[in-house]
Amino acid sequence: QTQTLPTEERDRQRLVTALGFTDWGAFMAH
């Protein structure tokens, strides 16, 4: 149970890919 965004690059990439964004910056902007 968490609502904290990941700090590790691998977990960030998992999140971005699952949501269909091109990169972390695009995801954070949205």
mmCIF file of all heavy atoms, coordinates in Angstrom:
data_MODEL
# 
_entry.id   MODEL 
# 
loop_
_atom_site.group_PDB 
_atom_site.id 
_atom_site.type_symbol 
_atom_site.label_atom_id 
_atom_site.label_alt_id 
_atom_site.label_comp_id 
_atom_site.label_asym_id 
_atom_site.label_entity_id 
_atom_site.label_seq_id 
_atom_site.pdbx_PDB_ins_code 
_atom_site.Cartn_x 
_atom_site.Cartn_y 
_atom_site.Cartn_z 
_atom_site.occupancy 
_atom_site.B_iso_or_equiv 
_atom_site.pdbx_formal_charge 
_atom_site.auth_seq_id 
_atom_site.auth_comp_id 
_atom_site.auth_asym_id 
_atom_site.auth_atom_id 
_atom_site.pdbx_PDB_model_num 
ATOM 1   N N   . GLN A 1 1  ? 0.841  -1.183 0.000   1.00 0.00 ? 1  GLN A N   1 
ATOM 2   C CA  . GLN A 1 1  ? 0.000  0.000  0.000   1.00 0.00 ? 1  GLN A CA  1 
ATOM 3   C C   . GLN A 1 1  ? 0.887  1.247  0.000   1.00 0.00 ? 1  GLN A C   1 
ATOM 4   O O   . GLN A 1 1  ? 1.591  1.513  0.965   1.00 0.00 ? 1  GLN A O   1 
ATOM 5   C CB  . GLN A 1 1  ? -0.906 0.011  1.228   1.00 0.00 ? 1  GLN A CB  1 
ATOM 6   C CG  . GLN A 1 1  ? -1.957 -1.079 1.227   1.00 0.00 ? 1  GLN A CG  1 
ATOM 7   C CD  . GLN A 1 1  ? -3.013 -0.855 0.150   1.00 0.00 ? 1  GLN A CD  1 
ATOM 8   O OE1 . GLN A 1 1  ? -3.388 0.270  -0.126  1.00 0.00 ? 1  GLN A OE1 1 
ATOM 9   N NE2 . GLN A 1 1  ? -3.474 -1.936 -0.451  1.00 0.00 ? 1  GLN A NE2 1 
ATOM 10  N N   . THR A 1 2  ? 0.904  1.998  -1.084  1.00 0.00 ? 2  THR A N   1 
ATOM 11  C CA  . THR A 1 2  ? 1.717  3.202  -1.166  1.00 0.00 ? 2  THR A CA  1 
ATOM 12  C C   . THR A 1 2  ? 1.138  4.154  -2.198  1.00 0.00 ? 2  THR A C   1 
ATOM 13  O O   . THR A 1 2  ? 0.457  3.735  -3.136  1.00 0.00 ? 2  THR A O   1 
ATOM 14  C CB  . THR A 1 2  ? 3.181  2.870  -1.528  1.00 0.00 ? 2  THR A CB  1 
ATOM 15  O OG1 . THR A 1 2  ? 3.943  4.074  -1.541  1.00 0.00 ? 2  THR A OG1 1 
ATOM 16  C CG2 . THR A 1 2  ? 3.276  2.193  -2.890  1.00 0.00 ? 2  THR A CG2 1 
ATOM 17  N N   . GLN A 1 3  ? 1.388  5.442  -1.989  1.00 0.00 ? 3  GLN A N   1 
ATOM 18  C CA  . GLN A 1 3  ? 1.050  6.463  -2.984  1.00 0.00 ? 3  GLN A CA  1 
ATOM 19  C C   . GLN A 1 3  ? 2.289  7.305  -3.309  1.00 0.00 ? 3  GLN A C   1 
ATOM 20  O O   . GLN A 1 3  ? 2.179  8.421  -3.828  1.00 0.00 ? 3  GLN A O   1 
ATOM 21  C CB  . GLN A 1 3  ? -0.066 7.391  -2.470  1.00 0.00 ? 3  GLN A CB  1 
ATOM 22  C CG  . GLN A 1 3  ? -1.434 6.735  -2.367  1.00 0.00 ? 3  GLN A CG  1 
ATOM 23  C CD  . GLN A 1 3  ? -1.606 5.937  -1.096  1.00 0.00 ? 3  GLN A CD  1 
ATOM 24  O OE1 . GLN A 1 3  ? -1.033 6.276  -0.063  1.00 0.00 ? 3  GLN A OE1 1 
ATOM 25  N NE2 . GLN A 1 3  ? -2.388 4.869  -1.142  1.00 0.00 ? 3  GLN A NE2 1 
ATOM 26  N N   . THR A 1 4  ? 3.472  6.776  -3.011  1.00 0.00 ? 4  THR A N   1 
ATOM 27  C CA  . THR A 1 4  ? 4.726  7.503  -3.212  1.00 0.00 ? 4  THR A CA  1 
ATOM 28  C C   . THR A 1 4  ? 5.327  7.152  -4.560  1.00 0.00 ? 4  THR A C   1 
ATOM 29  O O   . THR A 1 4  ? 5.473  5.976  -4.903  1.00 0.00 ? 4  THR A O   1 
ATOM 30  C CB  . THR A 1 4  ? 5.724  7.151  -2.095  1.00 0.00 ? 4  THR A CB  1 
ATOM 31  O OG1 . THR A 1 4  ? 5.128  7.432  -0.825  1.00 0.00 ? 4  THR A OG1 1 
ATOM 32  C CG2 . THR A 1 4  ? 7.004  7.968  -2.239  1.00 0.00 ? 4  THR A CG2 1 
ATOM 33  N N   . LEU A 1 5  ? 5.694  8.186  -5.319  1.00 0.00 ? 5  LEU A N   1 
ATOM 34  C CA  . LEU A 1 5  ? 6.313  7.951  -6.627  1.00 0.00 ? 5  LEU A CA  1 
ATOM 35  C C   . LEU A 1 5  ? 7.692  7.335  -6.461  1.00 0.00 ? 5  LEU A C   1 
ATOM 36  O O   . LEU A 1 5  ? 8.418  7.664  -5.501  1.00 0.00 ? 5  LEU A O   1 
ATOM 37  C CB  . LEU A 1 5  ? 6.424  9.265  -7.397  1.00 0.00 ? 5  LEU A CB  1 
ATOM 38  C CG  . LEU A 1 5  ? 5.098  9.896  -7.836  1.00 0.00 ? 5  LEU A CG  1 
ATOM 39  C CD1 . LEU A 1 5  ? 5.343  11.260 -8.476  1.00 0.00 ? 5  LEU A CD1 1 
ATOM 40  C CD2 . LEU A 1 5  ? 4.360  8.988  -8.807  1.00 0.00 ? 5  LEU A CD2 1 
ATOM 41  N N   . PRO A 1 6  ? 8.096  6.437  -7.350  1.00 0.00 ? 6  PRO A N   1 
ATOM 42  C CA  . PRO A 1 6  ? 9.386  5.751  -7.196  1.00 0.00 ? 6  PRO A CA  1 
ATOM 43  C C   . PRO A 1 6  ? 10.566 6.679  -7.452  1.00 0.00 ? 6  PRO A C   1 
ATOM 44  O O   . PRO A 1 6  ? 10.476 7.642  -8.218  1.00 0.00 ? 6  PRO A O   1 
ATOM 45  C CB  . PRO A 1 6  ? 9.311  4.639  -8.245  1.00 0.00 ? 6  PRO A CB  1 
ATOM 46  C CG  . PRO A 1 6  ? 8.365  5.146  -9.286  1.00 0.00 ? 6  PRO A CG  1 
ATOM 47  C CD  . PRO A 1 6  ? 7.349  5.964  -8.533  1.00 0.00 ? 6  PRO A CD  1 
ATOM 48  N N   . THR A 1 7  ? 11.695 6.367  -6.827  1.00 0.00 ? 7  THR A N   1 
ATOM 49  C CA  . THR A 1 7  ? 12.942 7.111  -7.059  1.00 0.00 ? 7  THR A CA  1 
ATOM 50  C C   . THR A 1 7  ? 13.915 6.309  -7.912  1.00 0.00 ? 7  THR A C   1 
ATOM 51  O O   . THR A 1 7  ? 14.806 6.876  -8.544  1.00 0.00 ? 7  THR A O   1 
ATOM 52  C CB  . THR A 1 7  ? 13.604 7.452  -5.717  1.00 0.00 ? 7  THR A CB  1 
ATOM 53  O OG1 . THR A 1 7  ? 13.815 6.241  -4.966  1.00 0.00 ? 7  THR A OG1 1 
ATOM 54  C CG2 . THR A 1 7  ? 12.712 8.391  -4.901  1.00 0.00 ? 7  THR A CG2 1 
ATOM 55  N N   . GLU A 1 8  ? 13.758 4.986  -7.938  1.00 0.00 ? 8  GLU A N   1 
ATOM 56  C CA  . GLU A 1 8  ? 14.642 4.151  -8.743  1.00 0.00 ? 8  GLU A CA  1 
ATOM 57  C C   . GLU A 1 8  ? 14.248 4.214  -10.214 1.00 0.00 ? 8  GLU A C   1 
ATOM 58  O O   . GLU A 1 8  ? 13.063 4.182  -10.559 1.00 0.00 ? 8  GLU A O   1 
ATOM 59  C CB  . GLU A 1 8  ? 14.603 2.702  -8.257  1.00 0.00 ? 8  GLU A CB  1 
ATOM 60  C CG  . GLU A 1 8  ? 15.152 2.515  -6.845  1.00 0.00 ? 8  GLU A CG  1 
ATOM 61  C CD  . GLU A 1 8  ? 15.207 1.053  -6.455  1.00 0.00 ? 8  GLU A CD  1 
ATOM 62  O OE1 . GLU A 1 8  ? 14.958 0.193  -7.344  1.00 0.00 ? 8  GLU A OE1 1 
ATOM 63  O OE2 . GLU A 1 8  ? 15.497 0.763  -5.278  1.00 0.00 ? 8  GLU A OE2 1 
ATOM 64  N N   . GLU A 1 9  ? 15.240 4.260  -11.080 1.00 0.00 ? 9  GLU A N   1 
ATOM 65  C CA  . GLU A 1 9  ? 14.996 4.428  -12.516 1.00 0.00 ? 9  GLU A CA  1 
ATOM 66  C C   . GLU A 1 9  ? 14.186 3.272  -13.093 1.00 0.00 ? 9  GLU A C   1 
ATOM 67  O O   . GLU A 1 9  ? 13.302 3.473  -13.931 1.00 0.00 ? 9  GLU A O   1 
ATOM 68  C CB  . GLU A 1 9  ? 16.340 4.551  -13.249 1.00 0.00 ? 9  GLU A CB  1 
ATOM 69  C CG  . GLU A 1 9  ? 16.208 4.828  -14.749 1.00 0.00 ? 9  GLU A CG  1 
ATOM 70  C CD  . GLU A 1 9  ? 15.431 6.108  -15.037 1.00 0.00 ? 9  GLU A CD  1 
ATOM 71  O OE1 . GLU A 1 9  ? 15.562 7.074  -14.253 1.00 0.00 ? 9  GLU A OE1 1 
ATOM 72  O OE2 . GLU A 1 9  ? 14.690 6.154  -16.041 1.00 0.00 ? 9  GLU A OE2 1 
ATOM 73  N N   . ARG A 1 10 ? 14.466 2.041  -12.631 1.00 0.00 ? 10 ARG A N   1 
ATOM 74  C CA  . ARG A 1 10 ? 13.756 0.891  -13.182 1.00 0.00 ? 10 ARG A CA  1 
ATOM 75  C C   . ARG A 1 10 ? 12.258 0.966  -12.862 1.00 0.00 ? 10 ARG A C   1 
ATOM 76  O O   . ARG A 1 10 ? 11.416 0.720  -13.732 1.00 0.00 ? 10 ARG A O   1 
ATOM 77  C CB  . ARG A 1 10 ? 14.336 -0.408 -12.609 1.00 0.00 ? 10 ARG A CB  1 
ATOM 78  C CG  . ARG A 1 10 ? 13.699 -1.668 -13.223 1.00 0.00 ? 10 ARG A CG  1 
ATOM 79  C CD  . ARG A 1 10 ? 14.329 -2.933 -12.714 1.00 0.00 ? 10 ARG A CD  1 
ATOM 80  N NE  . ARG A 1 10 ? 14.134 -3.091 -11.268 1.00 0.00 ? 10 ARG A NE  1 
ATOM 81  C CZ  . ARG A 1 10 ? 14.436 -4.202 -10.596 1.00 0.00 ? 10 ARG A CZ  1 
ATOM 82  N NH1 . ARG A 1 10 ? 14.978 -5.227 -11.220 1.00 0.00 ? 10 ARG A NH1 1 
ATOM 83  N NH2 . ARG A 1 10 ? 14.229 -4.270 -9.286  1.00 0.00 ? 10 ARG A NH2 1 
ATOM 84  N N   . ASP A 1 11 ? 11.930 1.320  -11.616 1.00 0.00 ? 11 ASP A N   1 
ATOM 85  C CA  . ASP A 1 11 ? 10.522 1.424  -11.244 1.00 0.00 ? 11 ASP A CA  1 
ATOM 86  C C   . ASP A 1 11 ? 9.849  2.598  -11.942 1.00 0.00 ? 11 ASP A C   1 
ATOM 87  O O   . ASP A 1 11 ? 8.669  2.533  -12.297 1.00 0.00 ? 11 ASP A O   1 
ATOM 88  C CB  . ASP A 1 11 ? 10.400 1.573  -9.724  1.00 0.00 ? 11 ASP A CB  1 
ATOM 89  C CG  . ASP A 1 11 ? 10.742 0.284  -8.991  1.00 0.00 ? 11 ASP A CG  1 
ATOM 90  O OD1 . ASP A 1 11 ? 10.723 -0.773 -9.649  1.00 0.00 ? 11 ASP A OD1 1 
ATOM 91  O OD2 . ASP A 1 11 ? 11.020 0.344  -7.777  1.00 0.00 ? 11 ASP A OD2 1 
ATOM 92  N N   . ARG A 1 12 ? 10.587 3.690  -12.155 1.00 0.00 ? 12 ARG A N   1 
ATOM 93  C CA  . ARG A 1 12 ? 10.020 4.817  -12.904 1.00 0.00 ? 12 ARG A CA  1 
ATOM 94  C C   . ARG A 1 12 ? 9.679  4.394  -14.338 1.00 0.00 ? 12 ARG A C   1 
ATOM 95  O O   . ARG A 1 12 ? 8.632  4.759  -14.882 1.00 0.00 ? 12 ARG A O   1 
ATOM 96  C CB  . ARG A 1 12 ? 11.014 5.978  -12.928 1.00 0.00 ? 12 ARG A CB  1 
ATOM 97  C CG  . ARG A 1 12 ? 11.125 6.731  -11.612 1.00 0.00 ? 12 ARG A CG  1 
ATOM 98  C CD  . ARG A 1 12 ? 12.018 7.953  -11.758 1.00 0.00 ? 12 ARG A CD  1 
ATOM 99  N NE  . ARG A 1 12 ? 11.956 8.808  -10.577 1.00 0.00 ? 12 ARG A NE  1 
ATOM 100 C CZ  . ARG A 1 12 ? 12.523 10.000 -10.490 1.00 0.00 ? 12 ARG A CZ  1 
ATOM 101 N NH1 . ARG A 1 12 ? 13.211 10.486 -11.529 1.00 0.00 ? 12 ARG A NH1 1 
ATOM 102 N NH2 . ARG A 1 12 ? 12.423 10.724 -9.384  1.00 0.00 ? 12 ARG A NH2 1 
ATOM 103 N N   . GLN A 1 13 ? 10.592 3.617  -14.949 1.00 0.00 ? 13 GLN A N   1 
ATOM 104 C CA  . GLN A 1 13 ? 10.352 3.167  -16.315 1.00 0.00 ? 13 GLN A CA  1 
ATOM 105 C C   . GLN A 1 13 ? 9.155  2.224  -16.381 1.00 0.00 ? 13 GLN A C   1 
ATOM 106 O O   . GLN A 1 13 ? 8.367  2.264  -17.335 1.00 0.00 ? 13 GLN A O   1 
ATOM 107 C CB  . GLN A 1 13 ? 11.603 2.455  -16.857 1.00 0.00 ? 13 GLN A CB  1 
ATOM 108 C CG  . GLN A 1 13 ? 11.562 2.168  -18.354 1.00 0.00 ? 13 GLN A CG  1 
ATOM 109 C CD  . GLN A 1 13 ? 11.387 3.424  -19.192 1.00 0.00 ? 13 GLN A CD  1 
ATOM 110 O OE1 . GLN A 1 13 ? 12.026 4.442  -18.929 1.00 0.00 ? 13 GLN A OE1 1 
ATOM 111 N NE2 . GLN A 1 13 ? 10.501 3.384  -20.174 1.00 0.00 ? 13 GLN A NE2 1 
ATOM 112 N N   . ARG A 1 14 ? 9.000  1.387  -15.369 1.00 0.00 ? 14 ARG A N   1 
ATOM 113 C CA  . ARG A 1 14 ? 7.827  0.502  -15.312 1.00 0.00 ? 14 ARG A CA  1 
ATOM 114 C C   . ARG A 1 14 ? 6.537  1.322  -15.294 1.00 0.00 ? 14 ARG A C   1 
ATOM 115 O O   . ARG A 1 14 ? 5.580  1.026  -16.007 1.00 0.00 ? 14 ARG A O   1 
ATOM 116 C CB  . ARG A 1 14 ? 7.892  -0.366 -14.061 1.00 0.00 ? 14 ARG A CB  1 
ATOM 117 C CG  . ARG A 1 14 ? 8.918  -1.485 -14.123 1.00 0.00 ? 14 ARG A CG  1 
ATOM 118 C CD  . ARG A 1 14 ? 9.047  -2.141 -12.758 1.00 0.00 ? 14 ARG A CD  1 
ATOM 119 N NE  . ARG A 1 14 ? 9.822  -3.372 -12.808 1.00 0.00 ? 14 ARG A NE  1 
ATOM 120 C CZ  . ARG A 1 14 ? 10.262 -4.020 -11.734 1.00 0.00 ? 14 ARG A CZ  1 
ATOM 121 N NH1 . ARG A 1 14 ? 9.992  -3.531 -10.532 1.00 0.00 ? 14 ARG A NH1 1 
ATOM 122 N NH2 . ARG A 1 14 ? 10.967 -5.124 -11.855 1.00 0.00 ? 14 ARG A NH2 1 
ATOM 123 N N   . LEU A 1 15 ? 6.515  2.354  -14.452 1.00 0.00 ? 15 LEU A N   1 
ATOM 124 C CA  . LEU A 1 15 ? 5.332  3.193  -14.332 1.00 0.00 ? 15 LEU A CA  1 
ATOM 125 C C   . LEU A 1 15 ? 5.037  3.915  -15.634 1.00 0.00 ? 15 LEU A C   1 
ATOM 126 O O   . LEU A 1 15 ? 3.896  3.943  -16.116 1.00 0.00 ? 15 LEU A O   1 
ATOM 127 C CB  . LEU A 1 15 ? 5.539  4.193  -13.187 1.00 0.00 ? 15 LEU A CB  1 
ATOM 128 C CG  . LEU A 1 15 ? 4.391  5.155  -12.894 1.00 0.00 ? 15 LEU A CG  1 
ATOM 129 C CD1 . LEU A 1 15 ? 3.133  4.396  -12.495 1.00 0.00 ? 15 LEU A CD1 1 
ATOM 130 C CD2 . LEU A 1 15 ? 4.771  6.134  -11.772 1.00 0.00 ? 15 LEU A CD2 1 
ATOM 131 N N   . VAL A 1 16 ? 6.064  4.509  -16.229 1.00 0.00 ? 16 VAL A N   1 
ATOM 132 C CA  . VAL A 1 16 ? 5.894  5.265  -17.477 1.00 0.00 ? 16 VAL A CA  1 
ATOM 133 C C   . VAL A 1 16 ? 5.391  4.353  -18.588 1.00 0.00 ? 16 VAL A C   1 
ATOM 134 O O   . VAL A 1 16 ? 4.470  4.696  -19.333 1.00 0.00 ? 16 VAL A O   1 
ATOM 135 C CB  . VAL A 1 16 ? 7.238  5.924  -17.873 1.00 0.00 ? 16 VAL A CB  1 
ATOM 136 C CG1 . VAL A 1 16 ? 7.189  6.421  -19.310 1.00 0.00 ? 16 VAL A CG1 1 
ATOM 137 C CG2 . VAL A 1 16 ? 7.565  7.069  -16.917 1.00 0.00 ? 16 VAL A CG2 1 
ATOM 138 N N   . THR A 1 17 ? 5.989  3.175  -18.707 1.00 0.00 ? 17 THR A N   1 
ATOM 139 C CA  . THR A 1 17 ? 5.604  2.234  -19.774 1.00 0.00 ? 17 THR A CA  1 
ATOM 140 C C   . THR A 1 17 ? 4.167  1.755  -19.582 1.00 0.00 ? 17 THR A C   1 
ATOM 141 O O   . THR A 1 17 ? 3.383  1.694  -20.543 1.00 0.00 ? 17 THR A O   1 
ATOM 142 C CB  . THR A 1 17 ? 6.559  1.028  -19.777 1.00 0.00 ? 17 THR A CB  1 
ATOM 143 O OG1 . THR A 1 17 ? 7.893  1.492  -19.962 1.00 0.00 ? 17 THR A OG1 1 
ATOM 144 C CG2 . THR A 1 17 ? 6.186  0.058  -20.897 1.00 0.00 ? 17 THR A CG2 1 
ATOM 145 N N   . ALA A 1 18 ? 3.817  1.421  -18.349 1.00 0.00 ? 18 ALA A N   1 
ATOM 146 C CA  . ALA A 1 18 ? 2.465  0.929  -18.085 1.00 0.00 ? 18 ALA A CA  1 
ATOM 147 C C   . ALA A 1 18 ? 1.406  1.978  -18.406 1.00 0.00 ? 18 ALA A C   1 
ATOM 148 O O   . ALA A 1 18 ? 0.286  1.643  -18.814 1.00 0.00 ? 18 ALA A O   1 
ATOM 149 C CB  . ALA A 1 18 ? 2.349  0.501  -16.625 1.00 0.00 ? 18 ALA A CB  1 
ATOM 150 N N   . LEU A 1 19 ? 1.742  3.248  -18.207 1.00 0.00 ? 19 LEU A N   1 
ATOM 151 C CA  . LEU A 1 19 ? 0.780  4.324  -18.455 1.00 0.00 ? 19 LEU A CA  1 
ATOM 152 C C   . LEU A 1 19 ? 0.819  4.843  -19.889 1.00 0.00 ? 19 LEU A C   1 
ATOM 153 O O   . LEU A 1 19 ? -0.009 5.671  -20.263 1.00 0.00 ? 19 LEU A O   1 
ATOM 154 C CB  . LEU A 1 19 ? 1.038  5.481  -17.481 1.00 0.00 ? 19 LEU A CB  1 
ATOM 155 C CG  . LEU A 1 19 ? 0.721  5.192  -16.010 1.00 0.00 ? 19 LEU A CG  1 
ATOM 156 C CD1 . LEU A 1 19 ? 1.293  6.269  -15.102 1.00 0.00 ? 19 LEU A CD1 1 
ATOM 157 C CD2 . LEU A 1 19 ? -0.789 5.097  -15.804 1.00 0.00 ? 19 LEU A CD2 1 
ATOM 158 N N   . GLY A 1 20 ? 1.811  4.401  -20.673 1.00 0.00 ? 20 GLY A N   1 
ATOM 159 C CA  . GLY A 1 20 ? 1.855  4.781  -22.086 1.00 0.00 ? 20 GLY A CA  1 
ATOM 160 C C   . GLY A 1 20 ? 2.515  6.118  -22.374 1.00 0.00 ? 20 GLY A C   1 
ATOM 161 O O   . GLY A 1 20 ? 2.267  6.713  -23.437 1.00 0.00 ? 20 GLY A O   1 
ATOM 162 N N   . PHE A 1 21 ? 3.389  6.594  -21.474 1.00 0.00 ? 21 PHE A N   1 
ATOM 163 C CA  . PHE A 1 21 ? 4.116  7.847  -21.719 1.00 0.00 ? 21 PHE A CA  1 
ATOM 164 C C   . PHE A 1 21 ? 5.476  7.551  -22.340 1.00 0.00 ? 21 PHE A C   1 
ATOM 165 O O   . PHE A 1 21 ? 6.027  6.456  -22.193 1.00 0.00 ? 21 PHE A O   1 
ATOM 166 C CB  . PHE A 1 21 ? 4.295  8.630  -20.409 1.00 0.00 ? 21 PHE A CB  1 
ATOM 167 C CG  . PHE A 1 21 ? 3.026  9.246  -19.897 1.00 0.00 ? 21 PHE A CG  1 
ATOM 168 C CD1 . PHE A 1 21 ? 2.220  8.564  -19.004 1.00 0.00 ? 21 PHE A CD1 1 
ATOM 169 C CD2 . PHE A 1 21 ? 2.621  10.505 -20.339 1.00 0.00 ? 21 PHE A CD2 1 
ATOM 170 C CE1 . PHE A 1 21 ? 1.047  9.129  -18.532 1.00 0.00 ? 21 PHE A CE1 1 
ATOM 171 C CE2 . PHE A 1 21 ? 1.444  11.072 -19.880 1.00 0.00 ? 21 PHE A CE2 1 
ATOM 172 C CZ  . PHE A 1 21 ? 0.647  10.380 -18.974 1.00 0.00 ? 21 PHE A CZ  1 
ATOM 173 N N   . THR A 1 22 ? 6.038  8.570  -22.989 1.00 0.00 ? 22 THR A N   1 
ATOM 174 C CA  . THR A 1 22 ? 7.329  8.383  -23.658 1.00 0.00 ? 22 THR A CA  1 
ATOM 175 C C   . THR A 1 22 ? 8.488  8.412  -22.676 1.00 0.00 ? 22 THR A C   1 
ATOM 176 O O   . THR A 1 22 ? 9.477  7.697  -22.842 1.00 0.00 ? 22 THR A O   1 
ATOM 177 C CB  . THR A 1 22 ? 7.540  9.475  -24.723 1.00 0.00 ? 22 THR A CB  1 
ATOM 178 O OG1 . THR A 1 22 ? 7.399  10.763 -24.093 1.00 0.00 ? 22 THR A OG1 1 
ATOM 179 C CG2 . THR A 1 22 ? 6.504  9.349  -25.834 1.00 0.00 ? 22 THR A CG2 1 
ATOM 180 N N   . ASP A 1 23 ? 8.390  9.251  -21.652 1.00 0.00 ? 23 ASP A N   1 
ATOM 181 C CA  . ASP A 1 23 ? 9.473  9.345  -20.670 1.00 0.00 ? 23 ASP A CA  1 
ATOM 182 C C   . ASP A 1 23 ? 8.923  9.891  -19.354 1.00 0.00 ? 23 ASP A C   1 
ATOM 183 O O   . ASP A 1 23 ? 7.751  10.269 -19.255 1.00 0.00 ? 23 ASP A O   1 
ATOM 184 C CB  . ASP A 1 23 ? 10.625 10.217 -21.185 1.00 0.00 ? 23 ASP A CB  1 
ATOM 185 C CG  . ASP A 1 23 ? 10.146 11.599 -21.623 1.00 0.00 ? 23 ASP A CG  1 
ATOM 186 O OD1 . ASP A 1 23 ? 9.302  12.200 -20.921 1.00 0.00 ? 23 ASP A OD1 1 
ATOM 187 O OD2 . ASP A 1 23 ? 10.609 12.078 -22.679 1.00 0.00 ? 23 ASP A OD2 1 
ATOM 188 N N   . TRP A 1 24 ? 9.794  9.947  -18.342 1.00 0.00 ? 24 TRP A N   1 
ATOM 189 C CA  . TRP A 1 24 ? 9.393  10.396 -17.006 1.00 0.00 ? 24 TRP A CA  1 
ATOM 190 C C   . TRP A 1 24 ? 8.936  11.846 -17.007 1.00 0.00 ? 24 TRP A C   1 
ATOM 191 O O   . TRP A 1 24 ? 7.981  12.221 -16.335 1.00 0.00 ? 24 TRP A O   1 
ATOM 192 C CB  . TRP A 1 24 ? 10.563 10.200 -16.038 1.00 0.00 ? 24 TRP A CB  1 
ATOM 193 C CG  . TRP A 1 24 ? 10.232 10.556 -14.615 1.00 0.00 ? 24 TRP A CG  1 
ATOM 194 C CD1 . TRP A 1 24 ? 10.624 11.672 -13.940 1.00 0.00 ? 24 TRP A CD1 1 
ATOM 195 C CD2 . TRP A 1 24 ? 9.433  9.797  -13.712 1.00 0.00 ? 24 TRP A CD2 1 
ATOM 196 N NE1 . TRP A 1 24 ? 10.119 11.658 -12.657 1.00 0.00 ? 24 TRP A NE1 1 
ATOM 197 C CE2 . TRP A 1 24 ? 9.384  10.508 -12.481 1.00 0.00 ? 24 TRP A CE2 1 
ATOM 198 C CE3 . TRP A 1 24 ? 8.754  8.577  -13.800 1.00 0.00 ? 24 TRP A CE3 1 
ATOM 199 C CZ2 . TRP A 1 24 ? 8.688  10.051 -11.374 1.00 0.00 ? 24 TRP A CZ2 1 
ATOM 200 C CZ3 . TRP A 1 24 ? 8.065  8.123  -12.692 1.00 0.00 ? 24 TRP A CZ3 1 
ATOM 201 C CH2 . TRP A 1 24 ? 8.028  8.853  -11.505 1.00 0.00 ? 24 TRP A CH2 1 
ATOM 202 N N   . GLY A 1 25 ? 9.607  12.688 -17.785 1.00 0.00 ? 25 GLY A N   1 
ATOM 203 C CA  . GLY A 1 25 ? 9.249  14.101 -17.833 1.00 0.00 ? 25 GLY A CA  1 
ATOM 204 C C   . GLY A 1 25 ? 7.841  14.319 -18.360 1.00 0.00 ? 25 GLY A C   1 
ATOM 205 O O   . GLY A 1 25 ? 7.084  15.149 -17.820 1.00 0.00 ? 25 GLY A O   1 
ATOM 206 N N   . ALA A 1 26 ? 7.477  13.575 -19.392 1.00 0.00 ? 26 ALA A N   1 
ATOM 207 C CA  . ALA A 1 26 ? 6.132  13.717 -19.956 1.00 0.00 ? 26 ALA A CA  1 
ATOM 208 C C   . ALA A 1 26 ? 5.081  13.263 -18.952 1.00 0.00 ? 26 ALA A C   1 
ATOM 209 O O   . ALA A 1 26 ? 4.016  13.880 -18.807 1.00 0.00 ? 26 ALA A O   1 
ATOM 210 C CB  . ALA A 1 26 ? 6.026  12.904 -21.247 1.00 0.00 ? 26 ALA A CB  1 
ATOM 211 N N   . PHE A 1 27 ? 5.400  12.170 -18.239 1.00 0.00 ? 27 PHE A N   1 
ATOM 212 C CA  . PHE A 1 27 ? 4.466  11.693 -17.219 1.00 0.00 ? 27 PHE A CA  1 
ATOM 213 C C   . PHE A 1 27 ? 4.278  12.722 -16.113 1.00 0.00 ? 27 PHE A C   1 
ATOM 214 O O   . PHE A 1 27 ? 3.155  13.035 -15.707 1.00 0.00 ? 27 PHE A O   1 
ATOM 215 C CB  . PHE A 1 27 ? 4.976  10.370 -16.622 1.00 0.00 ? 27 PHE A CB  1 
ATOM 216 C CG  . PHE A 1 27 ? 4.381  10.040 -15.289 1.00 0.00 ? 27 PHE A CG  1 
ATOM 217 C CD1 . PHE A 1 27 ? 3.042  9.676  -15.176 1.00 0.00 ? 27 PHE A CD1 1 
ATOM 218 C CD2 . PHE A 1 27 ? 5.150  10.118 -14.123 1.00 0.00 ? 27 PHE A CD2 1 
ATOM 219 C CE1 . PHE A 1 27 ? 2.490  9.392  -13.932 1.00 0.00 ? 27 PHE A CE1 1 
ATOM 220 C CE2 . PHE A 1 27 ? 4.601  9.834  -12.892 1.00 0.00 ? 27 PHE A CE2 1 
ATOM 221 C CZ  . PHE A 1 27 ? 3.269  9.469  -12.798 1.00 0.00 ? 27 PHE A CZ  1 
ATOM 222 N N   . MET A 1 28 ? 5.392  13.291 -15.590 1.00 0.00 ? 28 MET A N   1 
ATOM 223 C CA  . MET A 1 28 ? 5.307  14.257 -14.493 1.00 0.00 ? 28 MET A CA  1 
ATOM 224 C C   . MET A 1 28 ? 4.554  15.512 -14.915 1.00 0.00 ? 28 MET A C   1 
ATOM 225 O O   . MET A 1 28 ? 3.798  16.099 -14.123 1.00 0.00 ? 28 MET A O   1 
ATOM 226 C CB  . MET A 1 28 ? 6.714  14.618 -14.009 1.00 0.00 ? 28 MET A CB  1 
ATOM 227 C CG  . MET A 1 28 ? 7.391  13.528 -13.206 1.00 0.00 ? 28 MET A CG  1 
ATOM 228 S SD  . MET A 1 28 ? 6.464  13.060 -11.709 1.00 0.00 ? 28 MET A SD  1 
ATOM 229 C CE  . MET A 1 28 ? 6.452  14.616 -10.809 1.00 0.00 ? 28 MET A CE  1 
ATOM 230 N N   . ALA A 1 29 ? 4.732  15.923 -16.167 1.00 0.00 ? 29 ALA A N   1 
ATOM 231 C CA  . ALA A 1 29 ? 4.021  17.106 -16.649 1.00 0.00 ? 29 ALA A CA  1 
ATOM 232 C C   . ALA A 1 29 ? 2.513  16.870 -16.642 1.00 0.00 ? 29 ALA A C   1 
ATOM 233 O O   . ALA A 1 29 ? 1.718  17.728 -16.224 1.00 0.00 ? 29 ALA A O   1 
ATOM 234 C CB  . ALA A 1 29 ? 4.500  17.473 -18.056 1.00 0.00 ? 29 ALA A CB  1 
ATOM 235 N N   . HIS A 1 30 ? 2.105  15.677 -17.094 1.00 0.00 ? 30 HIS A N   1 
ATOM 236 C CA  . HIS A 1 30 ? 0.670  15.357 -17.111 1.00 0.00 ? 30 HIS A CA  1 
ATOM 237 C C   . HIS A 1 30 ? 0.129  15.187 -15.689 1.00 0.00 ? 30 HIS A C   1 
ATOM 238 O O   . HIS A 1 30 ? -0.980 15.627 -15.375 1.00 0.00 ? 30 HIS A O   1 
ATOM 239 C CB  . HIS A 1 30 ? 0.440  14.082 -17.921 1.00 0.00 ? 30 HIS A CB  1 
ATOM 240 C CG  . HIS A 1 30 ? -1.013 13.754 -18.107 1.00 0.00 ? 30 HIS A CG  1 
ATOM 241 N ND1 . HIS A 1 30 ? -1.813 14.424 -19.003 1.00 0.00 ? 30 HIS A ND1 1 
ATOM 242 C CD2 . HIS A 1 30 ? -1.820 12.845 -17.492 1.00 0.00 ? 30 HIS A CD2 1 
ATOM 243 C CE1 . HIS A 1 30 ? -3.045 13.934 -18.944 1.00 0.00 ? 30 HIS A CE1 1 
ATOM 244 N NE2 . HIS A 1 30 ? -3.066 12.975 -18.033 1.00 0.00 ? 30 HIS A NE2 1 
# 
